Amino acid sequence: MPRFESKGGRFFELEVEDTVLTQLEGAVGDSQVGAPATRTFSTADEARYAASRLIARRRRRLGFQLI
């Protein structure tokens, strides 16, 4: 599961397993992390495409970097 962190102290992780995209977000160093959000797609390609768009958007707009 790749992990991305921002300079503002936030992180997010993504995992694509077949047609399911799971996303986890929270604050770096915080023990209270929200429940994972999952989305199911009709094909594995759609799930991978959604994950790549989410990564690109977060990196461009919010400054997240791969850790």
PDB file of N, CA and C in Angstrom:
ATOM      1  N   MET A   1       0.843  -1.156   0.000  1.00  0.00           N
ATOM      2  CA  MET A   1       0.000   0.000   0.000  1.00  0.00           C
ATOM      3  C   MET A   1       0.900   1.234   0.000  1.00  0.00           C
ATOM      4  N   PRO A   2       0.918   2.004  -1.087  1.00  0.00           N
ATOM      5  CA  PRO A   2       1.753   3.207  -1.096  1.00  0.00           C
ATOM      6  C   PRO A   2       1.242   4.241  -0.096  1.00  0.00           C
ATOM      7  N   ARG A   3       2.170   4.916   0.528  1.00  0.00           N
ATOM      8  CA  ARG A   3       1.835   5.950   1.515  1.00  0.00           C
ATOM      9  C   ARG A   3       2.331   7.290   0.995  1.00  0.00           C
ATOM     10  N   PHE A   4       1.474   8.292   1.087  1.00  0.00           N
ATOM     11  CA  PHE A   4       1.797   9.652   0.674  1.00  0.00           C
ATOM     12  C   PHE A   4       1.607  10.563   1.873  1.00  0.00           C
ATOM     13  N   GLU A   5       2.529  11.519   2.044  1.00  0.00           N
ATOM     14  CA  GLU A   5       2.431  12.475   3.140  1.00  0.00           C
ATOM     15  C   GLU A   5       2.566  13.890   2.604  1.00  0.00           C
ATOM     16  N   SER A   6       1.903  14.814   3.300  1.00  0.00           N
ATOM     17  CA  SER A   6       2.000  16.221   2.926  1.00  0.00           C
ATOM     18  C   SER A   6       2.868  16.952   3.940  1.00  0.00           C
ATOM     19  N   LYS A   7       3.316  18.132   3.570  1.00  0.00           N
ATOM     20  CA  LYS A   7       4.104  18.946   4.495  1.00  0.00           C
ATOM     21  C   LYS A   7       3.252  19.435   5.652  1.00  0.00           C
ATOM     22  N   GLY A   8       1.936  19.424   5.462  1.00  0.00           N
ATOM     23  CA  GLY A   8       1.019  19.863   6.507  1.00  0.00           C
ATOM     24  C   GLY A   8       0.735  18.810   7.564  1.00  0.00           C
ATOM     25  N   GLY A   9       1.362  17.644   7.462  1.00  0.00           N
ATOM     26  CA  GLY A   9       1.208  16.618   8.473  1.00  0.00           C
ATOM     27  C   GLY A   9       0.079  15.631   8.230  1.00  0.00           C
ATOM     28  N   ARG A  10      -0.423  15.538   7.012  1.00  0.00           N
ATOM     29  CA  ARG A  10      -1.480  14.589   6.661  1.00  0.00           C
ATOM     30  C   ARG A  10      -0.886  13.439   5.852  1.00  0.00           C
ATOM     31  N   PHE A  11      -1.566  12.299   5.828  1.00  0.00           N
ATOM     32  CA  PHE A  11      -1.135  11.181   5.001  1.00  0.00           C
ATOM     33  C   PHE A  11      -2.348  10.522   4.374  1.00  0.00           C
ATOM     34  N   PHE A  12      -2.118   9.791   3.289  1.00  0.00           N
ATOM     35  CA  PHE A  12      -3.132   8.891   2.760  1.00  0.00           C
ATOM     36  C   PHE A  12      -2.449   7.695   2.135  1.00  0.00           C
ATOM     37  N   GLU A  13      -3.137   6.565   2.202  1.00  0.00           N
ATOM     38  CA  GLU A  13      -2.643   5.309   1.652  1.00  0.00           C
ATOM     39  C   GLU A  13      -3.726   4.729   0.760  1.00  0.00           C
ATOM     40  N   LEU A  14      -3.301   4.097  -0.322  1.00  0.00           N
ATOM     41  CA  LEU A  14      -4.227   3.471  -1.261  1.00  0.00           C
ATOM     42  C   LEU A  14      -3.841   2.017  -1.476  1.00  0.00           C
ATOM     43  N   GLU A  15      -4.859   1.190  -1.666  1.00  0.00           N
ATOM     44  CA  GLU A  15      -4.619  -0.199  -2.020  1.00  0.00           C
ATOM     45  C   GLU A  15      -5.671  -0.620  -3.039  1.00  0.00           C
ATOM     46  N   VAL A  16      -5.209  -1.206  -4.129  1.00  0.00           N
ATOM     47  CA  VAL A  16      -6.118  -1.731  -5.141  1.00  0.00           C
ATOM     48  C   VAL A  16      -5.992  -3.240  -5.116  1.00  0.00           C
ATOM     49  N   GLU A  17      -7.108  -3.880  -4.840  1.00  0.00           N
ATOM     50  CA  GLU A  17      -7.157  -5.340  -4.813  1.00  0.00           C
ATOM     51  C   GLU A  17      -8.272  -5.779  -5.746  1.00  0.00           C
ATOM     52  N   ASP A  18      -7.888  -6.238  -6.923  1.00  0.00           N
ATOM     53  CA  ASP A  18      -8.819  -6.619  -7.975  1.00  0.00           C
ATOM     54  C   ASP A  18      -9.702  -5.423  -8.338  1.00  0.00           C
ATOM     55  N   THR A  19     -10.968  -5.422  -7.981  1.00  0.00           N
ATOM     56  CA  THR A  19     -11.862  -4.326  -8.366  1.00  0.00           C
ATOM     57  C   THR A  19     -12.177  -3.393  -7.203  1.00  0.00           C
ATOM     58  N   VAL A  20     -11.485  -3.560  -6.073  1.00  0.00           N
ATOM     59  CA  VAL A  20     -11.766  -2.766  -4.874  1.00  0.00           C
ATOM     60  C   VAL A  20     -10.615  -1.804  -4.598  1.00  0.00           C
ATOM     61  N   LEU A  21     -10.964  -0.528  -4.421  1.00  0.00           N
ATOM     62  CA  LEU A  21     -10.005   0.512  -4.064  1.00  0.00           C
ATOM     63  C   LEU A  21     -10.257   0.879  -2.607  1.00  0.00           C
ATOM     64  N   THR A  22      -9.217   0.750  -1.771  1.00  0.00           N
ATOM     65  CA  THR A  22      -9.319   1.084  -0.358  1.00  0.00           C
ATOM     66  C   THR A  22      -8.416   2.271  -0.081  1.00  0.00           C
ATOM     67  N   GLN A  23      -8.963   3.261   0.638  1.00  0.00           N
ATOM     68  CA  GLN A  23      -8.234   4.485   0.930  1.00  0.00           C
ATOM     69  C   GLN A  23      -8.273   4.739   2.429  1.00  0.00           C
ATOM     70  N   LEU A  24      -7.120   5.106   2.994  1.00  0.00           N
ATOM     71  CA  LEU A  24      -7.006   5.397   4.415  1.00  0.00           C
ATOM     72  C   LEU A  24      -6.368   6.765   4.546  1.00  0.00           C
ATOM     73  N   GLU A  25      -6.940   7.633   5.379  1.00  0.00           N
ATOM     74  CA  GLU A  25      -6.420   8.989   5.567  1.00  0.00           C
ATOM     75  C   GLU A  25      -6.297   9.302   7.044  1.00  0.00           C
ATOM     76  N   GLY A  26      -5.406  10.228   7.367  1.00  0.00           N
ATOM     77  CA  GLY A  26      -5.265  10.652   8.754  1.00  0.00           C
ATOM     78  C   GLY A  26      -4.138  11.645   8.905  1.00  0.00           C
ATOM     79  N   ALA A  27      -3.823  11.952  10.146  1.00  0.00           N
ATOM     80  CA  ALA A  27      -2.736  12.865  10.469  1.00  0.00           C
ATOM     81  C   ALA A  27      -1.504  12.048  10.827  1.00  0.00           C
ATOM     82  N   VAL A  28      -0.351  12.513  10.400  1.00  0.00           N
ATOM     83  CA  VAL A  28       0.906  11.835  10.709  1.00  0.00           C
ATOM     84  C   VAL A  28       1.126  11.899  12.218  1.00  0.00           C
ATOM     85  N   GLY A  29       1.423  10.760  12.814  1.00  0.00           N
ATOM     86  CA  GLY A  29       1.694  10.699  14.243  1.00  0.00           C
ATOM     87  C   GLY A  29       0.442  10.666  15.104  1.00  0.00           C
ATOM     88  N   ASP A  30      -0.723  10.643  14.511  1.00  0.00           N
ATOM     89  CA  ASP A  30      -1.977  10.610  15.263  1.00  0.00           C
ATOM     90  C   ASP A  30      -2.431   9.171  15.419  1.00  0.00           C
ATOM     91  N   SER A  31      -2.813   8.792  16.625  1.00  0.00           N
ATOM     92  CA  SER A  31      -3.261   7.424  16.850  1.00  0.00           C
ATOM     93  C   SER A  31      -4.717   7.226  16.426  1.00  0.00           C
ATOM     94  N   GLN A  32      -5.446   8.292  16.189  1.00  0.00           N
ATOM     95  CA  GLN A  32      -6.839   8.219  15.767  1.00  0.00           C
ATOM     96  C   GLN A  32      -6.917   8.342  14.247  1.00  0.00           C
ATOM     97  N   VAL A  33      -6.949   7.219  13.571  1.00  0.00           N
ATOM     98  CA  VAL A  33      -7.045   7.194  12.111  1.00  0.00           C
ATOM     99  C   VAL A  33      -8.460   6.747  11.752  1.00  0.00           C
ATOM    100  N   GLY A  34      -9.044   7.409  10.762  1.00  0.00           N
ATOM    101  CA  GLY A  34     -10.406   7.077  10.350  1.00  0.00           C
ATOM    102  C   GLY A  34     -10.503   5.682   9.759  1.00  0.00           C
ATOM    103  N   ALA A  35     -11.730   5.244   9.618  1.00  0.00           N
ATOM    104  CA  ALA A  35     -11.987   3.936   9.023  1.00  0.00           C
ATOM    105  C   ALA A  35     -11.653   3.973   7.533  1.00  0.00           C
ATOM    106  N   PRO A  36     -11.165   2.887   6.997  1.00  0.00           N
ATOM    107  CA  PRO A  36     -10.841   2.864   5.566  1.00  0.00           C
ATOM    108  C   PRO A  36     -12.106   3.031   4.718  1.00  0.00           C
ATOM    109  N   ALA A  37     -11.978   3.799   3.656  1.00  0.00           N
ATOM    110  CA  ALA A  37     -13.072   3.973   2.703  1.00  0.00           C
ATOM    111  C   ALA A  37     -12.821   3.031   1.534  1.00  0.00           C
ATOM    112  N   THR A  38     -13.832   2.303   1.120  1.00  0.00           N
ATOM    113  CA  THR A  38     -13.675   1.376  -0.001  1.00  0.00           C
ATOM    114  C   THR A  38     -14.676   1.717  -1.090  1.00  0.00           C
ATOM    115  N   ARG A  39     -14.230   1.527  -2.321  1.00  0.00           N
ATOM    116  CA  ARG A  39     -15.081   1.702  -3.492  1.00  0.00           C
ATOM    117  C   ARG A  39     -14.869   0.491  -4.388  1.00  0.00           C
ATOM    118  N   THR A  40     -15.937  -0.022  -4.942  1.00  0.00           N
ATOM    119  CA  THR A  40     -15.871  -1.170  -5.824  1.00  0.00           C
ATOM    120  C   THR A  40     -16.188  -0.727  -7.248  1.00  0.00           C
ATOM    121  N   PHE A  41     -15.369  -1.186  -8.187  1.00  0.00           N
ATOM    122  CA  PHE A  41     -15.522  -0.847  -9.598  1.00  0.00           C
ATOM    123  C   PHE A  41     -15.880  -2.100 -10.380  1.00  0.00           C
ATOM    124  N   SER A  42     -16.343  -1.909 -11.597  1.00  0.00           N
ATOM    125  CA  SER A  42     -16.764  -3.069 -12.394  1.00  0.00           C
ATOM    126  C   SER A  42     -15.577  -3.862 -12.940  1.00  0.00           C
ATOM    127  N   THR A  43     -14.425  -3.193 -13.146  1.00  0.00           N
ATOM    128  CA  THR A  43     -13.239  -3.902 -13.618  1.00  0.00           C
ATOM    129  C   THR A  43     -12.018  -3.469 -12.810  1.00  0.00           C
ATOM    130  N   ALA A  44     -10.982  -4.288 -12.836  1.00  0.00           N
ATOM    131  CA  ALA A  44      -9.736  -3.959 -12.140  1.00  0.00           C
ATOM    132  C   ALA A  44      -9.065  -2.752 -12.788  1.00  0.00           C
ATOM    133  N   ASP A  45      -9.191  -2.611 -14.096  1.00  0.00           N
ATOM    134  CA  ASP A  45      -8.609  -1.454 -14.781  1.00  0.00           C
ATOM    135  C   ASP A  45      -9.232  -0.151 -14.296  1.00  0.00           C
ATOM    136  N   GLU A  46     -10.529  -0.142 -14.090  1.00  0.00           N
ATOM    137  CA  GLU A  46     -11.197   1.056 -13.589  1.00  0.00           C
ATOM    138  C   GLU A  46     -10.725   1.401 -12.182  1.00  0.00           C
ATOM    139  N   ALA A  47     -10.505   0.402 -11.350  1.00  0.00           N
ATOM    140  CA  ALA A  47     -10.021   0.638  -9.986  1.00  0.00           C
ATOM    141  C   ALA A  47      -8.609   1.217 -10.010  1.00  0.00           C
ATOM    142  N   ARG A  48      -7.734   0.673 -10.854  1.00  0.00           N
ATOM    143  CA  ARG A  48      -6.378   1.204 -10.965  1.00  0.00           C
ATOM    144  C   ARG A  48      -6.381   2.619 -11.525  1.00  0.00           C
ATOM    145  N   TYR A  49      -7.245   2.884 -12.495  1.00  0.00           N
ATOM    146  CA  TYR A  49      -7.349   4.218 -13.089  1.00  0.00           C
ATOM    147  C   TYR A  49      -7.821   5.234 -12.041  1.00  0.00           C
ATOM    148  N   ALA A  50      -8.808   4.864 -11.239  1.00  0.00           N
ATOM    149  CA  ALA A  50      -9.303   5.756 -10.190  1.00  0.00           C
ATOM    150  C   ALA A  50      -8.208   6.045  -9.163  1.00  0.00           C
ATOM    151  N   ALA A  51      -7.431   5.028  -8.810  1.00  0.00           N
ATOM    152  CA  ALA A  51      -6.331   5.225  -7.860  1.00  0.00           C
ATOM    153  C   ALA A  51      -5.279   6.157  -8.432  1.00  0.00           C
ATOM    154  N   SER A  52      -4.929   5.989  -9.690  1.00  0.00           N
ATOM    155  CA  SER A  52      -3.909   6.853 -10.285  1.00  0.00           C
ATOM    156  C   SER A  52      -4.399   8.298 -10.392  1.00  0.00           C
ATOM    157  N   ARG A  53      -5.680   8.503 -10.700  1.00  0.00           N
ATOM    158  CA  ARG A  53      -6.230   9.858 -10.742  1.00  0.00           C
ATOM    159  C   ARG A  53      -6.235  10.491  -9.361  1.00  0.00           C
ATOM    160  N   LEU A  54      -6.578   9.718  -8.340  1.00  0.00           N
ATOM    161  CA  LEU A  54      -6.587  10.222  -6.975  1.00  0.00           C
ATOM    162  C   LEU A  54      -5.184  10.630  -6.535  1.00  0.00           C
ATOM    163  N   ILE A  55      -4.199   9.802  -6.853  1.00  0.00           N
ATOM    164  CA  ILE A  55      -2.809  10.118  -6.512  1.00  0.00           C
ATOM    165  C   ILE A  55      -2.367  11.395  -7.222  1.00  0.00           C
ATOM    166  N   ALA A  56      -2.630  11.492  -8.516  1.00  0.00           N
ATOM    167  CA  ALA A  56      -2.216  12.672  -9.281  1.00  0.00           C
ATOM    168  C   ALA A  56      -2.867  13.936  -8.736  1.00  0.00           C
ATOM    169  N   ARG A  57      -4.145  13.863  -8.423  1.00  0.00           N
ATOM    170  CA  ARG A  57      -4.867  15.030  -7.915  1.00  0.00           C
ATOM    171  C   ARG A  57      -4.314  15.477  -6.567  1.00  0.00           C
ATOM    172  N   ARG A  58      -4.086  14.524  -5.666  1.00  0.00           N
ATOM    173  CA  ARG A  58      -3.563  14.873  -4.343  1.00  0.00           C
ATOM    174  C   ARG A  58      -2.149  15.440  -4.424  1.00  0.00           C
ATOM    175  N   ARG A  59      -1.332  14.887  -5.307  1.00  0.00           N
ATOM    176  CA  ARG A  59       0.044  15.377  -5.433  1.00  0.00           C
ATOM    177  C   ARG A  59       0.058  16.786  -6.017  1.00  0.00           C
ATOM    178  N   ARG A  60      -0.787  17.018  -7.013  1.00  0.00           N
ATOM    179  CA  ARG A  60      -0.794  18.314  -7.685  1.00  0.00           C
ATOM    180  C   ARG A  60      -1.419  19.400  -6.810  1.00  0.00           C
ATOM    181  N   ARG A  61      -2.565  19.126  -6.223  1.00  0.00           N
ATOM    182  CA  ARG A  61      -3.305  20.163  -5.488  1.00  0.00           C
ATOM    183  C   ARG A  61      -2.869  20.332  -4.042  1.00  0.00           C
ATOM    184  N   LEU A  62      -2.505  19.252  -3.381  1.00  0.00           N
ATOM    185  CA  LEU A  62      -2.237  19.319  -1.946  1.00  0.00           C
ATOM    186  C   LEU A  62      -0.773  19.066  -1.581  1.00  0.00           C
ATOM    187  N   GLY A  63       0.061  18.775  -2.565  1.00  0.00           N
ATOM    188  CA  GLY A  63       1.489  18.628  -2.294  1.00  0.00           C
ATOM    189  C   GLY A  63       1.900  17.324  -1.624  1.00  0.00           C
ATOM    190  N   PHE A  64       1.117  16.281  -1.751  1.00  0.00           N
ATOM    191  CA  PHE A  64       1.486  14.992  -1.167  1.00  0.00           C
ATOM    192  C   PHE A  64       2.676  14.400  -1.921  1.00  0.00           C
ATOM    193  N   GLN A  65       3.562  13.732  -1.176  1.00  0.00           N
ATOM    194  CA  GLN A  65       4.731  13.090  -1.744  1.00  0.00           C
ATOM    195  C   GLN A  65       4.760  11.617  -1.324  1.00  0.00           C
ATOM    196  N   LEU A  66       5.254  10.761  -2.210  1.00  0.00           N
ATOM    197  CA  LEU A  66       5.389   9.339  -1.913  1.00  0.00           C
ATOM    198  C   LEU A  66       6.456   9.146  -0.841  1.00  0.00           C
ATOM    199  N   ILE A  67       6.122   8.375   0.180  1.00  0.00           N
ATOM    200  CA  ILE A  67       7.061   8.108   1.268  1.00  0.00           C
ATOM    201  C   ILE A  67       7.546   6.672   1.151  1.00  0.00           C
TER     202      ILE A  67
END
